[in-house]
Amino acid sequence: MSFDEFDDEFDEELEEPTGKTPSSDIKSKTPVIKGPGGGKKLSLFFTSTIGPGEKKQKLIVDDANNIGAIKETVGNIFGLDPTDFHLSSGGVTMDEANPLSEYNVEDGDEVLLIPASTAG
């Protein structure tokens, strides 16, 4: 078999690249936390003590965001209604109206989701 015999099999036209990369179609699944923004970005571990087994999720949060907005996002991640739990760090239950920056949380800290009925 000679090279000429193969040449006929590959006469198809190839499309020119459009310049669009496949990654441009990828959408982030990370929830967007709504709030004023502009604060310090903290990487926090949210641990749910609600239901069977302990579930943990790492989330990057802007400390200028109100606790209420953070609860909404965390509730979506864990499949919980924000009214069913409170956020707590260092033994302090966080108030929904306050920004995260009012609490002494640092990068890498753990924030607990505790049932609303047991929060004090």
N, C-alpha and C. Protein backbone atom coordinates (compact mmCIF):
# COMPACT_ATOMS: atom_id res chain seq x y z
N MET A 1 0.86 -1.17 0.00
CA MET A 1 0.00 0.00 0.00
C MET A 1 0.91 1.23 0.00
N SER A 2 0.63 2.17 -0.84
CA SER A 2 1.48 3.36 -0.92
C SER A 2 0.82 4.53 -0.20
N PHE A 3 1.59 5.58 -0.03
CA PHE A 3 1.11 6.80 0.64
C PHE A 3 -0.07 7.41 -0.11
N ASP A 4 -0.09 7.36 -1.42
CA ASP A 4 -1.16 7.94 -2.23
C ASP A 4 -2.52 7.32 -1.93
N GLU A 5 -2.55 6.03 -1.57
CA GLU A 5 -3.82 5.36 -1.30
C GLU A 5 -4.47 5.91 -0.02
N PHE A 6 -3.66 6.28 0.97
CA PHE A 6 -4.19 6.83 2.20
C PHE A 6 -4.65 8.27 2.02
N ASP A 7 -4.03 9.00 1.14
CA ASP A 7 -4.30 10.41 0.92
C ASP A 7 -5.77 10.67 0.61
N ASP A 8 -6.41 9.78 -0.13
CA ASP A 8 -7.82 9.96 -0.53
C ASP A 8 -8.77 9.85 0.65
N GLU A 9 -8.39 9.09 1.68
CA GLU A 9 -9.28 8.87 2.82
C GLU A 9 -9.37 10.09 3.73
N PHE A 10 -8.43 11.01 3.67
CA PHE A 10 -8.38 12.14 4.59
C PHE A 10 -8.59 13.47 3.87
N ASP A 11 -9.57 13.52 3.00
CA ASP A 11 -9.85 14.75 2.26
C ASP A 11 -10.90 15.62 2.93
N GLU A 12 -11.30 15.30 4.18
CA GLU A 12 -12.34 16.08 4.84
C GLU A 12 -11.81 17.46 5.22
N GLU A 13 -12.72 18.43 5.23
CA GLU A 13 -12.36 19.81 5.58
C GLU A 13 -12.34 19.94 7.10
N LEU A 14 -11.31 20.54 7.62
CA LEU A 14 -11.22 20.78 9.06
C LEU A 14 -11.69 22.19 9.35
N GLU A 15 -12.43 22.33 10.46
CA GLU A 15 -12.93 23.66 10.83
C GLU A 15 -11.80 24.47 11.46
N GLU A 16 -11.80 25.75 11.15
CA GLU A 16 -10.83 26.66 11.75
C GLU A 16 -11.26 26.94 13.19
N PRO A 17 -10.33 27.06 14.11
CA PRO A 17 -10.69 27.39 15.50
C PRO A 17 -11.37 28.76 15.56
N THR A 18 -12.35 28.86 16.44
CA THR A 18 -13.11 30.11 16.57
C THR A 18 -12.47 31.06 17.57
N GLY A 19 -11.47 30.61 18.27
CA GLY A 19 -10.84 31.45 19.28
C GLY A 19 -11.55 31.34 20.63
N LYS A 20 -12.63 30.60 20.67
CA LYS A 20 -13.38 30.42 21.91
C LYS A 20 -12.84 29.19 22.62
N THR A 21 -12.43 29.34 23.84
CA THR A 21 -11.90 28.20 24.57
C THR A 21 -13.04 27.46 25.25
N PRO A 22 -12.93 26.15 25.37
CA PRO A 22 -14.00 25.38 26.02
C PRO A 22 -14.27 25.85 27.43
N SER A 23 -13.26 26.33 28.14
CA SER A 23 -13.46 26.73 29.53
C SER A 23 -14.33 27.98 29.66
N SER A 24 -14.53 28.73 28.57
CA SER A 24 -15.35 29.94 28.68
C SER A 24 -16.83 29.60 28.88
N ASP A 25 -17.21 28.35 28.65
CA ASP A 25 -18.60 27.93 28.85
C ASP A 25 -18.86 27.44 30.27
N ILE A 26 -17.82 27.30 31.07
CA ILE A 26 -17.95 26.75 32.42
C ILE A 26 -18.44 27.83 33.38
N LYS A 27 -19.48 27.51 34.12
CA LYS A 27 -20.03 28.43 35.10
C LYS A 27 -19.63 27.95 36.50
N SER A 28 -19.34 28.88 37.38
CA SER A 28 -18.96 28.54 38.74
C SER A 28 -20.18 28.05 39.52
N LYS A 29 -19.98 27.05 40.34
CA LYS A 29 -21.06 26.56 41.20
C LYS A 29 -20.96 27.15 42.60
N THR A 30 -19.98 28.00 42.82
CA THR A 30 -19.83 28.63 44.13
C THR A 30 -20.88 29.72 44.27
N PRO A 31 -21.70 29.64 45.31
CA PRO A 31 -22.74 30.66 45.48
C PRO A 31 -22.14 32.03 45.69
N VAL A 32 -22.80 33.03 45.17
CA VAL A 32 -22.35 34.40 45.36
C VAL A 32 -23.00 34.93 46.62
N ILE A 33 -22.19 35.40 47.54
CA ILE A 33 -22.72 35.97 48.78
C ILE A 33 -23.01 37.44 48.52
N LYS A 34 -24.29 37.79 48.72
CA LYS A 34 -24.69 39.17 48.48
C LYS A 34 -24.38 40.02 49.71
N GLY A 35 -23.98 41.23 49.49
CA GLY A 35 -23.68 42.11 50.60
C GLY A 35 -22.86 43.28 50.12
N PRO A 36 -22.47 44.11 51.05
CA PRO A 36 -21.73 45.30 50.66
C PRO A 36 -20.36 44.99 50.07
N GLY A 37 -19.71 43.91 50.51
CA GLY A 37 -18.41 43.55 49.98
C GLY A 37 -17.35 44.57 50.39
N GLY A 38 -16.17 44.41 49.84
CA GLY A 38 -15.10 45.33 50.12
C GLY A 38 -14.32 45.03 51.38
N GLY A 39 -14.68 43.98 52.07
CA GLY A 39 -13.96 43.63 53.30
C GLY A 39 -12.83 42.67 53.01
N LYS A 40 -12.37 42.04 54.05
CA LYS A 40 -11.28 41.08 53.95
C LYS A 40 -11.85 39.70 53.61
N LYS A 41 -11.22 39.01 52.68
CA LYS A 41 -11.66 37.66 52.30
C LYS A 41 -11.10 36.66 53.31
N LEU A 42 -11.98 35.85 53.87
CA LEU A 42 -11.58 34.84 54.84
C LEU A 42 -12.00 33.46 54.34
N SER A 43 -11.14 32.49 54.52
CA SER A 43 -11.46 31.11 54.19
C SER A 43 -11.91 30.45 55.49
N LEU A 44 -13.21 30.13 55.57
CA LEU A 44 -13.77 29.58 56.80
C LEU A 44 -14.32 28.18 56.56
N PHE A 45 -14.34 27.37 57.62
CA PHE A 45 -14.93 26.04 57.56
C PHE A 45 -16.27 26.09 58.28
N PHE A 46 -17.34 25.84 57.54
CA PHE A 46 -18.68 25.82 58.13
C PHE A 46 -19.03 24.37 58.42
N THR A 47 -19.35 24.08 59.69
CA THR A 47 -19.66 22.72 60.11
C THR A 47 -21.10 22.67 60.59
N SER A 48 -21.88 21.79 59.96
CA SER A 48 -23.28 21.63 60.33
C SER A 48 -23.41 20.53 61.36
N THR A 49 -24.01 20.86 62.50
CA THR A 49 -24.28 19.87 63.54
C THR A 49 -25.75 19.45 63.48
N ILE A 50 -26.43 19.87 62.42
CA ILE A 50 -27.86 19.59 62.28
C ILE A 50 -28.04 18.32 61.47
N GLY A 51 -28.90 17.43 61.99
CA GLY A 51 -29.18 16.18 61.29
C GLY A 51 -28.13 15.12 61.61
N PRO A 52 -28.29 13.95 60.96
CA PRO A 52 -27.36 12.85 61.24
C PRO A 52 -25.97 13.13 60.63
N GLY A 53 -24.94 12.89 61.42
CA GLY A 53 -23.57 13.08 60.91
C GLY A 53 -23.19 14.54 60.83
N GLU A 54 -21.90 14.77 60.92
CA GLU A 54 -21.38 16.14 60.84
C GLU A 54 -20.93 16.41 59.41
N LYS A 55 -21.35 17.54 58.87
CA LYS A 55 -20.96 17.91 57.50
C LYS A 55 -20.13 19.18 57.58
N LYS A 56 -19.05 19.23 56.79
CA LYS A 56 -18.16 20.39 56.80
C LYS A 56 -17.97 20.89 55.38
N GLN A 57 -17.97 22.22 55.23
CA GLN A 57 -17.79 22.85 53.92
C GLN A 57 -16.88 24.07 54.06
N LYS A 58 -15.89 24.17 53.19
CA LYS A 58 -14.99 25.34 53.20
C LYS A 58 -15.58 26.39 52.27
N LEU A 59 -15.55 27.65 52.72
CA LEU A 59 -16.14 28.73 51.95
C LEU A 59 -15.31 29.99 52.13
N ILE A 60 -15.09 30.72 51.05
CA ILE A 60 -14.40 32.00 51.15
C ILE A 60 -15.46 33.08 51.29
N VAL A 61 -15.35 33.85 52.36
CA VAL A 61 -16.37 34.82 52.73
C VAL A 61 -15.73 36.21 52.89
N ASP A 62 -16.46 37.23 52.45
CA ASP A 62 -16.03 38.61 52.65
C ASP A 62 -16.53 39.03 54.03
N ASP A 63 -15.63 39.48 54.91
CA ASP A 63 -16.06 39.78 56.28
C ASP A 63 -16.91 41.04 56.40
N ALA A 64 -17.12 41.76 55.30
CA ALA A 64 -18.04 42.91 55.31
C ALA A 64 -19.49 42.46 55.14
N ASN A 65 -19.70 41.20 54.76
CA ASN A 65 -21.07 40.69 54.58
C ASN A 65 -21.76 40.49 55.91
N ASN A 66 -23.07 40.76 55.91
CA ASN A 66 -23.87 40.52 57.11
C ASN A 66 -24.03 39.02 57.34
N ILE A 67 -24.17 38.67 58.60
CA ILE A 67 -24.36 37.27 58.98
C ILE A 67 -25.60 36.70 58.30
N GLY A 68 -26.66 37.51 58.16
CA GLY A 68 -27.89 37.04 57.51
C GLY A 68 -27.65 36.57 56.08
N ALA A 69 -26.84 37.32 55.32
CA ALA A 69 -26.53 36.95 53.93
C ALA A 69 -25.67 35.68 53.90
N ILE A 70 -24.74 35.58 54.84
CA ILE A 70 -23.89 34.39 54.91
C ILE A 70 -24.73 33.17 55.27
N LYS A 71 -25.68 33.35 56.20
CA LYS A 71 -26.58 32.24 56.58
C LYS A 71 -27.38 31.74 55.38
N GLU A 72 -27.83 32.67 54.55
CA GLU A 72 -28.60 32.30 53.36
C GLU A 72 -27.77 31.41 52.43
N THR A 73 -26.53 31.81 52.19
CA THR A 73 -25.65 31.04 51.31
C THR A 73 -25.31 29.68 51.93
N VAL A 74 -24.95 29.69 53.20
CA VAL A 74 -24.61 28.44 53.88
C VAL A 74 -25.82 27.51 53.93
N GLY A 75 -27.00 28.08 54.15
CA GLY A 75 -28.24 27.28 54.15
C GLY A 75 -28.45 26.58 52.81
N ASN A 76 -28.18 27.30 51.71
CA ASN A 76 -28.30 26.70 50.38
C ASN A 76 -27.32 25.55 50.19
N ILE A 77 -26.11 25.72 50.68
CA ILE A 77 -25.08 24.68 50.54
C ILE A 77 -25.48 23.41 51.30
N PHE A 78 -25.99 23.58 52.53
CA PHE A 78 -26.33 22.43 53.36
C PHE A 78 -27.79 21.98 53.20
N GLY A 79 -28.56 22.68 52.37
CA GLY A 79 -29.97 22.32 52.18
C GLY A 79 -30.82 22.62 53.39
N LEU A 80 -30.53 23.73 54.07
CA LEU A 80 -31.27 24.10 55.28
C LEU A 80 -31.91 25.47 55.11
N ASP A 81 -33.00 25.69 55.81
CA ASP A 81 -33.65 26.99 55.84
C ASP A 81 -32.88 27.86 56.83
N PRO A 82 -32.48 29.08 56.42
CA PRO A 82 -31.70 29.94 57.32
C PRO A 82 -32.37 30.23 58.66
N THR A 83 -33.70 30.11 58.73
CA THR A 83 -34.39 30.35 60.00
C THR A 83 -34.25 29.17 60.96
N ASP A 84 -33.77 28.03 60.45
CA ASP A 84 -33.65 26.83 61.28
C ASP A 84 -32.32 26.71 62.02
N PHE A 85 -31.38 27.62 61.76
CA PHE A 85 -30.08 27.52 62.42
C PHE A 85 -29.47 28.90 62.68
N HIS A 86 -28.48 28.90 63.55
CA HIS A 86 -27.69 30.10 63.84
C HIS A 86 -26.24 29.76 63.54
N LEU A 87 -25.43 30.80 63.29
CA LEU A 87 -24.00 30.60 63.11
C LEU A 87 -23.31 30.95 64.43
N SER A 88 -22.31 30.17 64.79
CA SER A 88 -21.62 30.37 66.04
C SER A 88 -20.12 30.15 65.85
N SER A 89 -19.32 31.01 66.47
CA SER A 89 -17.87 30.85 66.43
C SER A 89 -17.31 31.26 67.78
N GLY A 90 -16.44 30.43 68.30
CA GLY A 90 -15.82 30.72 69.60
C GLY A 90 -16.84 30.80 70.73
N GLY A 91 -17.94 30.07 70.62
CA GLY A 91 -18.98 30.06 71.65
C GLY A 91 -19.93 31.23 71.58
N VAL A 92 -19.79 32.08 70.56
CA VAL A 92 -20.65 33.26 70.42
C VAL A 92 -21.63 33.03 69.25
N THR A 93 -22.92 33.21 69.55
CA THR A 93 -23.93 33.13 68.49
C THR A 93 -23.95 34.46 67.75
N MET A 94 -23.83 34.40 66.43
CA MET A 94 -23.73 35.60 65.62
C MET A 94 -25.11 36.17 65.29
N ASP A 95 -25.25 37.48 65.38
CA ASP A 95 -26.49 38.19 65.09
C ASP A 95 -26.58 38.46 63.58
N GLU A 96 -27.74 38.14 62.99
CA GLU A 96 -27.93 38.27 61.54
C GLU A 96 -27.71 39.69 61.01
N ALA A 97 -27.95 40.70 61.82
CA ALA A 97 -27.85 42.08 61.36
C ALA A 97 -26.41 42.60 61.34
N ASN A 98 -25.51 41.90 62.00
CA ASN A 98 -24.12 42.37 62.11
C ASN A 98 -23.25 41.82 60.99
N PRO A 99 -22.24 42.58 60.59
CA PRO A 99 -21.27 42.05 59.61
C PRO A 99 -20.35 41.04 60.29
N LEU A 100 -19.81 40.15 59.49
CA LEU A 100 -18.90 39.13 60.01
C LEU A 100 -17.68 39.75 60.69
N SER A 101 -17.27 40.93 60.23
CA SER A 101 -16.08 41.59 60.78
C SER A 101 -16.22 41.94 62.26
N GLU A 102 -17.46 41.98 62.78
CA GLU A 102 -17.67 42.29 64.20
C GLU A 102 -17.33 41.12 65.12
N TYR A 103 -17.11 39.96 64.52
CA TYR A 103 -16.79 38.77 65.30
C TYR A 103 -15.32 38.44 65.11
N ASN A 104 -14.75 37.86 66.10
CA ASN A 104 -13.31 37.60 66.07
C ASN A 104 -13.00 36.32 65.29
N VAL A 105 -13.31 36.32 63.98
CA VAL A 105 -13.02 35.15 63.15
C VAL A 105 -11.81 35.46 62.27
N GLU A 106 -10.97 34.47 62.12
CA GLU A 106 -9.77 34.62 61.32
C GLU A 106 -9.74 33.54 60.25
N ASP A 107 -8.88 33.75 59.26
CA ASP A 107 -8.72 32.80 58.17
C ASP A 107 -8.48 31.40 58.71
N GLY A 108 -9.24 30.43 58.23
CA GLY A 108 -9.09 29.03 58.66
C GLY A 108 -9.93 28.64 59.86
N ASP A 109 -10.68 29.59 60.45
CA ASP A 109 -11.52 29.29 61.61
C ASP A 109 -12.72 28.43 61.22
N GLU A 110 -13.30 27.80 62.24
CA GLU A 110 -14.50 26.99 62.05
C GLU A 110 -15.71 27.76 62.57
N VAL A 111 -16.78 27.73 61.78
CA VAL A 111 -18.05 28.34 62.18
C VAL A 111 -19.08 27.21 62.23
N LEU A 112 -19.78 27.11 63.37
CA LEU A 112 -20.77 26.05 63.54
C LEU A 112 -22.16 26.50 63.14
N LEU A 113 -22.90 25.60 62.52
CA LEU A 113 -24.33 25.80 62.28
C LEU A 113 -25.02 25.05 63.40
N ILE A 114 -25.73 25.78 64.26
CA ILE A 114 -26.40 25.12 65.38
C ILE A 114 -27.90 25.32 65.23
N PRO A 115 -28.68 24.32 65.63
CA PRO A 115 -30.13 24.44 65.50
C PRO A 115 -30.66 25.65 66.23
N ALA A 116 -31.64 26.32 65.66
CA ALA A 116 -32.19 27.54 66.25
C ALA A 116 -32.78 27.28 67.64
N SER A 117 -33.30 26.08 67.86
CA SER A 117 -33.93 25.79 69.14
C SER A 117 -32.91 25.70 70.29
N THR A 118 -31.62 25.45 70.00
CA THR A 118 -30.65 25.29 71.08
C THR A 118 -29.72 26.49 71.21
N ALA A 119 -29.84 27.45 70.31
CA ALA A 119 -28.94 28.62 70.37
C ALA A 119 -29.37 29.54 71.50
N GLY A 120 -28.39 30.19 72.10
CA GLY A 120 -28.71 31.05 73.21
C GLY A 120 -28.39 32.49 72.95
